[in-house]
C-alpha atoms as a PDB file:
ATOM      1  CA  UNK A   1     -14.395  40.962  -9.243  1.00  0.00           C
ATOM      2  CA  UNK A   2     -14.862  37.231  -9.687  1.00  0.00           C
ATOM      3  CA  UNK A   3     -18.355  36.197 -10.609  1.00  0.00           C
ATOM      4  CA  UNK A   4     -18.180  33.164  -8.379  1.00  0.00           C
ATOM      5  CA  UNK A   5     -15.705  31.156  -6.377  1.00  0.00           C
ATOM      6  CA  UNK A   6     -15.862  27.726  -4.781  1.00  0.00           C
ATOM      7  CA  UNK A   7     -13.848  26.073  -2.036  1.00  0.00           C
ATOM      8  CA  UNK A   8     -13.882  22.891  -4.102  1.00  0.00           C
ATOM      9  CA  UNK A   9     -10.870  23.330  -6.431  1.00  0.00           C
ATOM     10  CA  UNK A  10     -12.850  21.560  -9.135  1.00  0.00           C
ATOM     11  CA  UNK A  11     -15.325  24.433  -9.124  1.00  0.00           C
ATOM     12  CA  UNK A  12     -13.025  27.428  -9.371  1.00  0.00           C
ATOM     13  CA  UNK A  13     -14.379  30.102 -11.719  1.00  0.00           C
ATOM     14  CA  UNK A  14     -11.228  30.029 -13.840  1.00  0.00           C
ATOM     15  CA  UNK A  15     -12.034  26.422 -14.722  1.00  0.00           C
ATOM     16  CA  UNK A  16     -15.138  27.679 -16.498  1.00  0.00           C
ATOM     17  CA  UNK A  17     -13.816  30.986 -17.841  1.00  0.00           C
ATOM     18  CA  UNK A  18     -11.383  29.346 -20.231  1.00  0.00           C
ATOM     19  CA  UNK A  19     -14.246  27.367 -21.732  1.00  0.00           C
ATOM     20  CA  UNK A  20     -16.815  30.122 -22.195  1.00  0.00           C
ATOM     21  CA  UNK A  21     -17.818  30.907 -25.787  1.00  0.00           C
ATOM     22  CA  UNK A  22     -18.340  34.633 -25.210  1.00  0.00           C
ATOM     23  CA  UNK A  23     -22.101  34.189 -24.858  1.00  0.00           C
ATOM     24  CA  UNK A  24     -22.477  32.550 -28.284  1.00  0.00           C
ATOM     25  CA  UNK A  25     -24.938  29.675 -28.272  1.00  0.00           C
ATOM     26  CA  UNK A  26     -23.843  26.576 -30.203  1.00  0.00           C
ATOM     27  CA  UNK A  27     -26.395  24.073 -28.912  1.00  0.00           C
ATOM     28  CA  UNK A  28     -23.574  22.131 -27.227  1.00  0.00           C
ATOM     29  CA  UNK A  29     -23.397  24.024 -23.958  1.00  0.00           C
ATOM     30  CA  UNK A  30     -23.495  22.661 -20.449  1.00  0.00           C
ATOM     31  CA  UNK A  31     -27.024  22.201 -19.067  1.00  0.00           C
ATOM     32  CA  UNK A  32     -28.404  21.353 -15.639  1.00  0.00           C
ATOM     33  CA  UNK A  33     -30.125  18.220 -16.932  1.00  0.00           C
ATOM     34  CA  UNK A  34     -26.943  17.071 -18.642  1.00  0.00           C
ATOM     35  CA  UNK A  35     -24.872  17.717 -15.537  1.00  0.00           C
ATOM     36  CA  UNK A  36     -27.249  15.764 -13.317  1.00  0.00           C
ATOM     37  CA  UNK A  37     -27.330  12.895 -15.816  1.00  0.00           C
ATOM     38  CA  UNK A  38     -23.537  12.728 -15.856  1.00  0.00           C
ATOM     39  CA  UNK A  39     -23.482  12.916 -12.063  1.00  0.00           C
ATOM     40  CA  UNK A  40     -25.936  10.018 -11.953  1.00  0.00           C
ATOM     41  CA  UNK A  41     -23.685   7.906 -14.188  1.00  0.00           C
ATOM     42  CA  UNK A  42     -20.706   8.629 -11.930  1.00  0.00           C
ATOM     43  CA  UNK A  43     -22.700   7.660  -8.847  1.00  0.00           C
ATOM     44  CA  UNK A  44     -23.697   4.351 -10.427  1.00  0.00           C
ATOM     45  CA  UNK A  45     -20.092   3.585 -11.392  1.00  0.00           C
ATOM     46  CA  UNK A  46     -18.963   4.396  -7.873  1.00  0.00           C
ATOM     47  CA  UNK A  47     -21.652   2.168  -6.365  1.00  0.00           C
ATOM     48  CA  UNK A  48     -20.507  -0.698  -8.604  1.00  0.00           C
ATOM     49  CA  UNK A  49     -16.872  -0.517  -7.469  1.00  0.00           C
ATOM     50  CA  UNK A  50     -18.025   0.095  -3.886  1.00  0.00           C
ATOM     51  CA  UNK A  51     -19.904  -3.212  -3.920  1.00  0.00           C
ATOM     52  CA  UNK A  52     -16.860  -4.930  -5.429  1.00  0.00           C
ATOM     53  CA  UNK A  53     -14.572  -3.692  -2.651  1.00  0.00           C
ATOM     54  CA  UNK A  54     -17.151  -4.544   0.000  1.00  0.00           C
ATOM     55  CA  UNK A  55     -17.523  -8.084  -1.379  1.00  0.00           C
ATOM     56  CA  UNK A  56     -13.767  -8.603  -1.312  1.00  0.00           C
ATOM     57  CA  UNK A  57     -13.704  -7.595   2.344  1.00  0.00           C
ATOM     58  CA  UNK A  58     -16.533 -10.013   3.146  1.00  0.00           C
ATOM     59  CA  UNK A  59     -14.492 -12.769   1.500  1.00  0.00           C
ATOM     60  CA  UNK A  60     -11.674 -12.092   3.949  1.00  0.00           C
ATOM     61  CA  UNK A  61      -9.401 -10.000   1.729  1.00  0.00           C
ATOM     62  CA  UNK A  62      -7.269  -7.229   3.217  1.00  0.00           C
ATOM     63  CA  UNK A  63      -9.112  -3.946   2.450  1.00  0.00           C
ATOM     64  CA  UNK A  64      -6.006  -1.747   2.549  1.00  0.00           C
ATOM     65  CA  UNK A  65      -4.709  -2.434  -1.004  1.00  0.00           C
ATOM     66  CA  UNK A  66      -8.006  -1.435  -2.620  1.00  0.00           C
ATOM     67  CA  UNK A  67      -8.346   1.471  -0.217  1.00  0.00           C
ATOM     68  CA  UNK A  68      -4.920   2.845  -1.129  1.00  0.00           C
ATOM     69  CA  UNK A  69      -5.528   2.260  -4.848  1.00  0.00           C
ATOM     70  CA  UNK A  70      -8.720   4.274  -4.506  1.00  0.00           C
ATOM     71  CA  UNK A  71      -7.142   7.097  -2.509  1.00  0.00           C
ATOM     72  CA  UNK A  72      -3.928   7.630  -4.433  1.00  0.00           C
ATOM     73  CA  UNK A  73      -5.345   6.626  -7.812  1.00  0.00           C
ATOM     74  CA  UNK A  74      -8.228   9.054  -7.324  1.00  0.00           C
ATOM     75  CA  UNK A  75      -5.826  11.781  -6.292  1.00  0.00           C
ATOM     76  CA  UNK A  76      -3.720  11.222  -9.428  1.00  0.00           C
ATOM     77  CA  UNK A  77      -6.774  11.367 -11.704  1.00  0.00           C
ATOM     78  CA  UNK A  78      -7.960  14.524  -9.930  1.00  0.00           C
ATOM     79  CA  UNK A  79      -4.623  16.232 -10.574  1.00  0.00           C
ATOM     80  CA  UNK A  80      -4.753  15.341 -14.264  1.00  0.00           C
ATOM     81  CA  UNK A  81      -8.338  16.596 -14.502  1.00  0.00           C
ATOM     82  CA  UNK A  82      -7.302  19.897 -12.963  1.00  0.00           C
ATOM     83  CA  UNK A  83      -5.225  20.580 -16.096  1.00  0.00           C
ATOM     84  CA  UNK A  84      -7.075  18.518 -18.705  1.00  0.00           C
ATOM     85  CA  UNK A  85     -10.756  19.312 -18.243  1.00  0.00           C
ATOM     86  CA  UNK A  86     -11.495  18.247 -21.827  1.00  0.00           C
ATOM     87  CA  UNK A  87     -10.612  14.687 -20.786  1.00  0.00           C
ATOM     88  CA  UNK A  88     -13.361  14.679 -18.159  1.00  0.00           C
ATOM     89  CA  UNK A  89     -15.675  12.438 -20.204  1.00  0.00           C
ATOM     90  CA  UNK A  90     -13.384   9.442 -19.586  1.00  0.00           C
ATOM     91  CA  UNK A  91     -11.305  10.548 -16.581  1.00  0.00           C
ATOM     92  CA  UNK A  92     -14.360  11.340 -14.422  1.00  0.00           C
ATOM     93  CA  UNK A  93     -15.717   7.751 -14.752  1.00  0.00           C
ATOM     94  CA  UNK A  94     -12.259   6.384 -13.884  1.00  0.00           C
ATOM     95  CA  UNK A  95     -12.212   8.612 -10.809  1.00  0.00           C
ATOM     96  CA  UNK A  96     -15.688   7.390  -9.797  1.00  0.00           C
ATOM     97  CA  UNK A  97     -14.558   3.753  -9.999  1.00  0.00           C
ATOM     98  CA  UNK A  98     -11.417   4.461  -7.970  1.00  0.00           C
ATOM     99  CA  UNK A  99     -13.426   6.423  -5.423  1.00  0.00           C
ATOM    100  CA  UNK A 100     -15.777   3.476  -5.085  1.00  0.00           C
ATOM    101  CA  UNK A 101     -12.870   1.187  -4.176  1.00  0.00           C
ATOM    102  CA  UNK A 102     -11.962   3.560  -1.368  1.00  0.00           C
ATOM    103  CA  UNK A 103     -15.530   4.117  -0.170  1.00  0.00           C
ATOM    104  CA  UNK A 104     -16.338   0.406  -0.376  1.00  0.00           C
ATOM    105  CA  UNK A 105     -13.293  -0.601   1.660  1.00  0.00           C
ATOM    106  CA  UNK A 106     -13.939   2.015   4.335  1.00  0.00           C
ATOM    107  CA  UNK A 107     -17.665   1.247   4.492  1.00  0.00           C
ATOM    108  CA  UNK A 108     -17.078  -2.494   4.791  1.00  0.00           C
ATOM    109  CA  UNK A 109     -14.727  -1.962   7.719  1.00  0.00           C
ATOM    110  CA  UNK A 110     -17.221   0.325   9.447  1.00  0.00           C
ATOM    111  CA  UNK A 111     -20.016  -2.176   8.815  1.00  0.00           C
ATOM    112  CA  UNK A 112     -17.914  -4.936  10.371  1.00  0.00           C
ATOM    113  CA  UNK A 113     -17.389  -2.837  13.499  1.00  0.00           C
ATOM    114  CA  UNK A 114     -20.870  -1.279  13.551  1.00  0.00           C
ATOM    115  CA  UNK A 115     -23.368  -3.413  11.578  1.00  0.00           C
ATOM    116  CA  UNK A 116     -25.785  -1.311   9.545  1.00  0.00           C
ATOM    117  CA  UNK A 117     -23.938   1.972  10.100  1.00  0.00           C
ATOM    118  CA  UNK A 118     -23.065   2.649   6.417  1.00  0.00           C
ATOM    119  CA  UNK A 119     -26.738   2.319   5.456  1.00  0.00           C
ATOM    120  CA  UNK A 120     -27.637   4.943   8.044  1.00  0.00           C
ATOM    121  CA  UNK A 121     -24.841   7.178   6.755  1.00  0.00           C
ATOM    122  CA  UNK A 122     -26.074   6.855   3.163  1.00  0.00           C
ATOM    123  CA  UNK A 123     -29.626   7.762   4.198  1.00  0.00           C
ATOM    124  CA  UNK A 124     -28.453  10.807   6.142  1.00  0.00           C
ATOM    125  CA  UNK A 125     -26.195  11.888   3.270  1.00  0.00           C
ATOM    126  CA  UNK A 126     -29.104  11.792   0.827  1.00  0.00           C
ATOM    127  CA  UNK A 127     -31.252  13.727   3.290  1.00  0.00           C
ATOM    128  CA  UNK A 128     -28.604  16.410   3.795  1.00  0.00           C
ATOM    129  CA  UNK A 129     -28.107  16.743   0.026  1.00  0.00           C
ATOM    130  CA  UNK A 130     -31.835  17.215  -0.472  1.00  0.00           C
ATOM    131  CA  UNK A 131     -32.088  19.773   2.331  1.00  0.00           C
ATOM    132  CA  UNK A 132     -29.115  21.751   1.035  1.00  0.00           C
ATOM    133  CA  UNK A 133     -30.531  21.734  -2.492  1.00  0.00           C
ATOM    134  CA  UNK A 134     -33.848  23.107  -1.219  1.00  0.00           C
ATOM    135  CA  UNK A 135     -32.006  25.705   0.845  1.00  0.00           C
ATOM    136  CA  UNK A 136     -30.150  26.780  -2.287  1.00  0.00           C
ATOM    137  CA  UNK A 137     -33.170  26.532  -4.578  1.00  0.00           C
ATOM    138  CA  UNK A 138     -35.316  28.793  -2.430  1.00  0.00           C
ATOM    139  CA  UNK A 139     -32.414  31.055  -1.433  1.00  0.00           C
ATOM    140  CA  UNK A 140     -32.936  30.406   2.276  1.00  0.00           C
ATOM    141  CA  UNK A 141     -29.190  30.904   2.567  1.00  0.00           C
ATOM    142  CA  UNK A 142     -27.767  33.148  -0.130  1.00  0.00           C
ATOM    143  CA  UNK A 143     -24.350  32.324  -1.533  1.00  0.00           C
ATOM    144  CA  UNK A 144     -22.595  35.644  -0.957  1.00  0.00           C
ATOM    145  CA  UNK A 145     -18.946  36.482  -1.565  1.00  0.00           C
ATOM    146  CA  UNK A 146     -18.365  36.596   2.195  1.00  0.00           C
ATOM    147  CA  UNK A 147     -19.834  33.121   2.663  1.00  0.00           C
ATOM    148  CA  UNK A 148     -17.694  31.794  -0.168  1.00  0.00           C
ATOM    149  CA  UNK A 149     -14.541  33.259   1.330  1.00  0.00           C
ATOM    150  CA  UNK A 150     -15.189  31.706   4.737  1.00  0.00           C
ATOM    151  CA  UNK A 151     -15.897  28.286   3.240  1.00  0.00           C
ATOM    152  CA  UNK A 152     -12.888  28.479   0.914  1.00  0.00           C
ATOM    153  CA  UNK A 153     -10.483  29.209   3.774  1.00  0.00           C
ATOM    154  CA  UNK A 154     -12.008  26.588   6.078  1.00  0.00           C
ATOM    155  CA  UNK A 155     -12.099  23.864   3.441  1.00  0.00           C
ATOM    156  CA  UNK A 156      -8.532  24.528   2.316  1.00  0.00           C
ATOM    157  CA  UNK A 157      -7.330  24.212   5.915  1.00  0.00           C
ATOM    158  CA  UNK A 158      -9.250  20.949   6.388  1.00  0.00           C
ATOM    159  CA  UNK A 159      -7.917  19.532   3.108  1.00  0.00           C
ATOM    160  CA  UNK A 160      -4.355  20.232   4.227  1.00  0.00           C
ATOM    161  CA  UNK A 161      -5.047  18.669   7.626  1.00  0.00           C
ATOM    162  CA  UNK A 162      -6.476  15.475   6.100  1.00  0.00           C
ATOM    163  CA  UNK A 163      -3.624  15.247   3.595  1.00  0.00           C
ATOM    164  CA  UNK A 164      -1.112  15.365   6.439  1.00  0.00           C
ATOM    165  CA  UNK A 165      -3.123  12.766   8.358  1.00  0.00           C
ATOM    166  CA  UNK A 166      -3.295  10.342   5.447  1.00  0.00           C
ATOM    167  CA  UNK A 167       0.373  10.767   4.619  1.00  0.00           C
ATOM    168  CA  UNK A 168       1.548  10.130   8.175  1.00  0.00           C
ATOM    169  CA  UNK A 169      -0.812   7.152   8.524  1.00  0.00           C
ATOM    170  CA  UNK A 170       0.336   5.609   5.243  1.00  0.00           C
ATOM    171  CA  UNK A 171       4.030   5.834   6.135  1.00  0.00           C
ATOM    172  CA  UNK A 172       4.039   5.470   9.932  1.00  0.00           C
ATOM    173  CA  UNK A 173       0.787   3.694  10.760  1.00  0.00           C
ATOM    174  CA  UNK A 174      -0.229   6.517  13.086  1.00  0.00           C
ATOM    175  CA  UNK A 175      -2.073   9.660  11.970  1.00  0.00           C
ATOM    176  CA  UNK A 176      -1.272  13.122  13.285  1.00  0.00           C
ATOM    177  CA  UNK A 177      -3.932  14.482  15.695  1.00  0.00           C
ATOM    178  CA  UNK A 178      -5.856  11.203  15.515  1.00  0.00           C
ATOM    179  CA  UNK A 179      -7.718  12.190  18.695  1.00  0.00           C
ATOM    180  CA  UNK A 180      -9.778  14.598  16.587  1.00  0.00           C
ATOM    181  CA  UNK A 181     -10.914  11.985  14.096  1.00  0.00           C
ATOM    182  CA  UNK A 182     -10.858   8.581  15.785  1.00  0.00           C
ATOM    183  CA  UNK A 183     -12.053   9.065  19.351  1.00  0.00           C
ATOM    184  CA  UNK A 184     -15.474   9.731  20.865  1.00  0.00           C
ATOM    185  CA  UNK A 185     -14.526  12.643  23.105  1.00  0.00           C
ATOM    186  CA  UNK A 186     -16.718  15.781  23.102  1.00  0.00           C
ATOM    187  CA  UNK A 187     -13.970  17.628  21.211  1.00  0.00           C
ATOM    188  CA  UNK A 188     -13.764  14.913  18.567  1.00  0.00           C
ATOM    189  CA  UNK A 189     -17.555  14.745  18.154  1.00  0.00           C
ATOM    190  CA  UNK A 190     -17.681  18.519  17.867  1.00  0.00           C
ATOM    191  CA  UNK A 191     -14.987  18.392  15.181  1.00  0.00           C
ATOM    192  CA  UNK A 192     -16.993  15.825  13.187  1.00  0.00           C
ATOM    193  CA  UNK A 193     -20.164  17.912  13.444  1.00  0.00           C
ATOM    194  CA  UNK A 194     -18.200  20.886  12.147  1.00  0.00           C
ATOM    195  CA  UNK A 195     -16.874  18.816   9.232  1.00  0.00           C
ATOM    196  CA  UNK A 196     -20.379  17.635   8.314  1.00  0.00           C
ATOM    197  CA  UNK A 197     -21.580  21.236   8.360  1.00  0.00           C
ATOM    198  CA  UNK A 198     -18.636  22.395   6.242  1.00  0.00           C
ATOM    199  CA  UNK A 199     -19.168  19.652   3.651  1.00  0.00           C
ATOM    200  CA  UNK A 200     -22.868  20.532   3.561  1.00  0.00           C
ATOM    201  CA  UNK A 201     -22.164  24.207   2.925  1.00  0.00           C
ATOM    202  CA  UNK A 202     -19.793  23.210   0.146  1.00  0.00           C
ATOM    203  CA  UNK A 203     -22.829  21.769  -1.619  1.00  0.00           C
ATOM    204  CA  UNK A 204     -24.362  25.248  -1.700  1.00  0.00           C
ATOM    205  CA  UNK A 205     -21.270  26.577  -3.416  1.00  0.00           C
ATOM    206  CA  UNK A 206     -21.255  23.637  -5.817  1.00  0.00           C
ATOM    207  CA  UNK A 207     -24.886  24.222  -6.832  1.00  0.00           C
ATOM    208  CA  UNK A 208     -24.219  27.915  -7.333  1.00  0.00           C
ATOM    209  CA  UNK A 209     -21.103  27.296  -9.386  1.00  0.00           C
ATOM    210  CA  UNK A 210     -22.836  24.793 -11.669  1.00  0.00           C
ATOM    211  CA  UNK A 211     -25.628  27.302 -12.213  1.00  0.00           C
ATOM    212  CA  UNK A 212     -23.131  30.025 -13.056  1.00  0.00           C
ATOM    213  CA  UNK A 213     -21.294  27.685 -15.425  1.00  0.00           C
ATOM    214  CA  UNK A 214     -24.554  27.116 -17.297  1.00  0.00           C
ATOM    215  CA  UNK A 215     -25.141  30.865 -17.477  1.00  0.00           C
ATOM    216  CA  UNK A 216     -21.619  31.295 -18.867  1.00  0.00           C
ATOM    217  CA  UNK A 217     -22.426  28.734 -21.602  1.00  0.00           C
ATOM    218  CA  UNK A 218     -19.598  26.365 -20.685  1.00  0.00           C
ATOM    219  CA  UNK A 219     -19.174  23.546 -23.254  1.00  0.00           C
ATOM    220  CA  UNK A 220     -20.695  20.099 -22.948  1.00  0.00           C
ATOM    221  CA  UNK A 221     -17.656  18.337 -21.491  1.00  0.00           C
ATOM    222  CA  UNK A 222     -17.954  20.552 -18.421  1.00  0.00           C
ATOM    223  CA  UNK A 223     -21.003  18.483 -17.446  1.00  0.00           C
ATOM    224  CA  UNK A 224     -18.674  15.564 -16.741  1.00  0.00           C
ATOM    225  CA  UNK A 225     -16.248  17.839 -14.955  1.00  0.00           C
ATOM    226  CA  UNK A 226     -19.016  19.329 -12.800  1.00  0.00           C
ATOM    227  CA  UNK A 227     -20.429  15.875 -12.047  1.00  0.00           C
ATOM    228  CA  UNK A 228     -16.962  14.879 -10.884  1.00  0.00           C
ATOM    229  CA  UNK A 229     -16.816  17.918  -8.591  1.00  0.00           C
ATOM    230  CA  UNK A 230     -20.205  17.162  -7.060  1.00  0.00           C
ATOM    231  CA  UNK A 231     -19.148  13.551  -6.486  1.00  0.00           C
ATOM    232  CA  UNK A 232     -16.096  14.726  -4.538  1.00  0.00           C
ATOM    233  CA  UNK A 233     -18.264  16.775  -2.179  1.00  0.00           C
ATOM    234  CA  UNK A 234     -20.936  14.103  -1.698  1.00  0.00           C
ATOM    235  CA  UNK A 235     -18.340  11.433  -0.883  1.00  0.00           C
ATOM    236  CA  UNK A 236     -16.681  13.779   1.594  1.00  0.00           C
ATOM    237  CA  UNK A 237     -20.059  14.429   3.242  1.00  0.00           C
ATOM    238  CA  UNK A 238     -20.796  10.697   3.448  1.00  0.00           C
ATOM    239  CA  UNK A 239     -17.444   9.915   5.055  1.00  0.00           C
ATOM    240  CA  UNK A 240     -17.854  12.666   7.632  1.00  0.00           C
ATOM    241  CA  UNK A 241     -21.354  11.459   8.523  1.00  0.00           C
ATOM    242  CA  UNK A 242     -20.073   7.875   8.743  1.00  0.00           C
ATOM    243  CA  UNK A 243     -17.297   8.949  11.105  1.00  0.00           C
ATOM    244  CA  UNK A 244     -19.689  11.025  13.225  1.00  0.00           C
ATOM    245  CA  UNK A 245     -22.201   8.185  13.601  1.00  0.00           C
ATOM    246  CA  UNK A 246     -19.434   5.770  14.613  1.00  0.00           C
ATOM    247  CA  UNK A 247     -18.413   8.083  17.450  1.00  0.00           C
ATOM    248  CA  UNK A 248     -21.909   7.928  18.895  1.00  0.00           C
ATOM    249  CA  UNK A 249     -21.744   4.112  18.755  1.00  0.00           C
ATOM    250  CA  UNK A 250     -18.553   3.886  20.819  1.00  0.00           C
END
């Protein structure tokens, strides 16, 4: 039976199993402090490119080019990382910069439509992350195999749905089932609340998987890889909160 499993493809157990040194300590294993430090570096890089994209929007530039560079560039880097985890020390920072271009473009557009909304979304994202960490730390909600399975299935379905939406929007200018993501109907608001909850529960799985990776003595480069995985979840949570708050403003 698998020791752990995550709905975030970055945090699949097999990603760590191939790197385990059979319990032998070398002094170069993944640590929690190292992982958080790497995650902090990625956050700072993302913030830097976010501010760059935001500034370009404020200057009157079209945000779509940077947004698409961030989306598709980030996707390409993610696919490479899925097979080349040892390259995480330089691919993860590249991903963070690309992700910042996407987040900055989206946030600037939301701020133009709803002044101050991104700041509120950032504050709520930080609060949710803290709450979920405390919930995990004190085992208020235990990460069981059943919980993992439910989150894995739900997240996979949502990922497929968003991929279809982005693809149809990029090529036709109109996203499939846009009423679920771009309107302020009760159904749409309920969908956004569900997405925020799902992203939040993914954090529990991420924390658990990082902890298990440390126990399995994964090598040092997995700190960058794990920081990358956490960044993916936090950005997803932020975007869902941003979308939810905008629906209440309409």
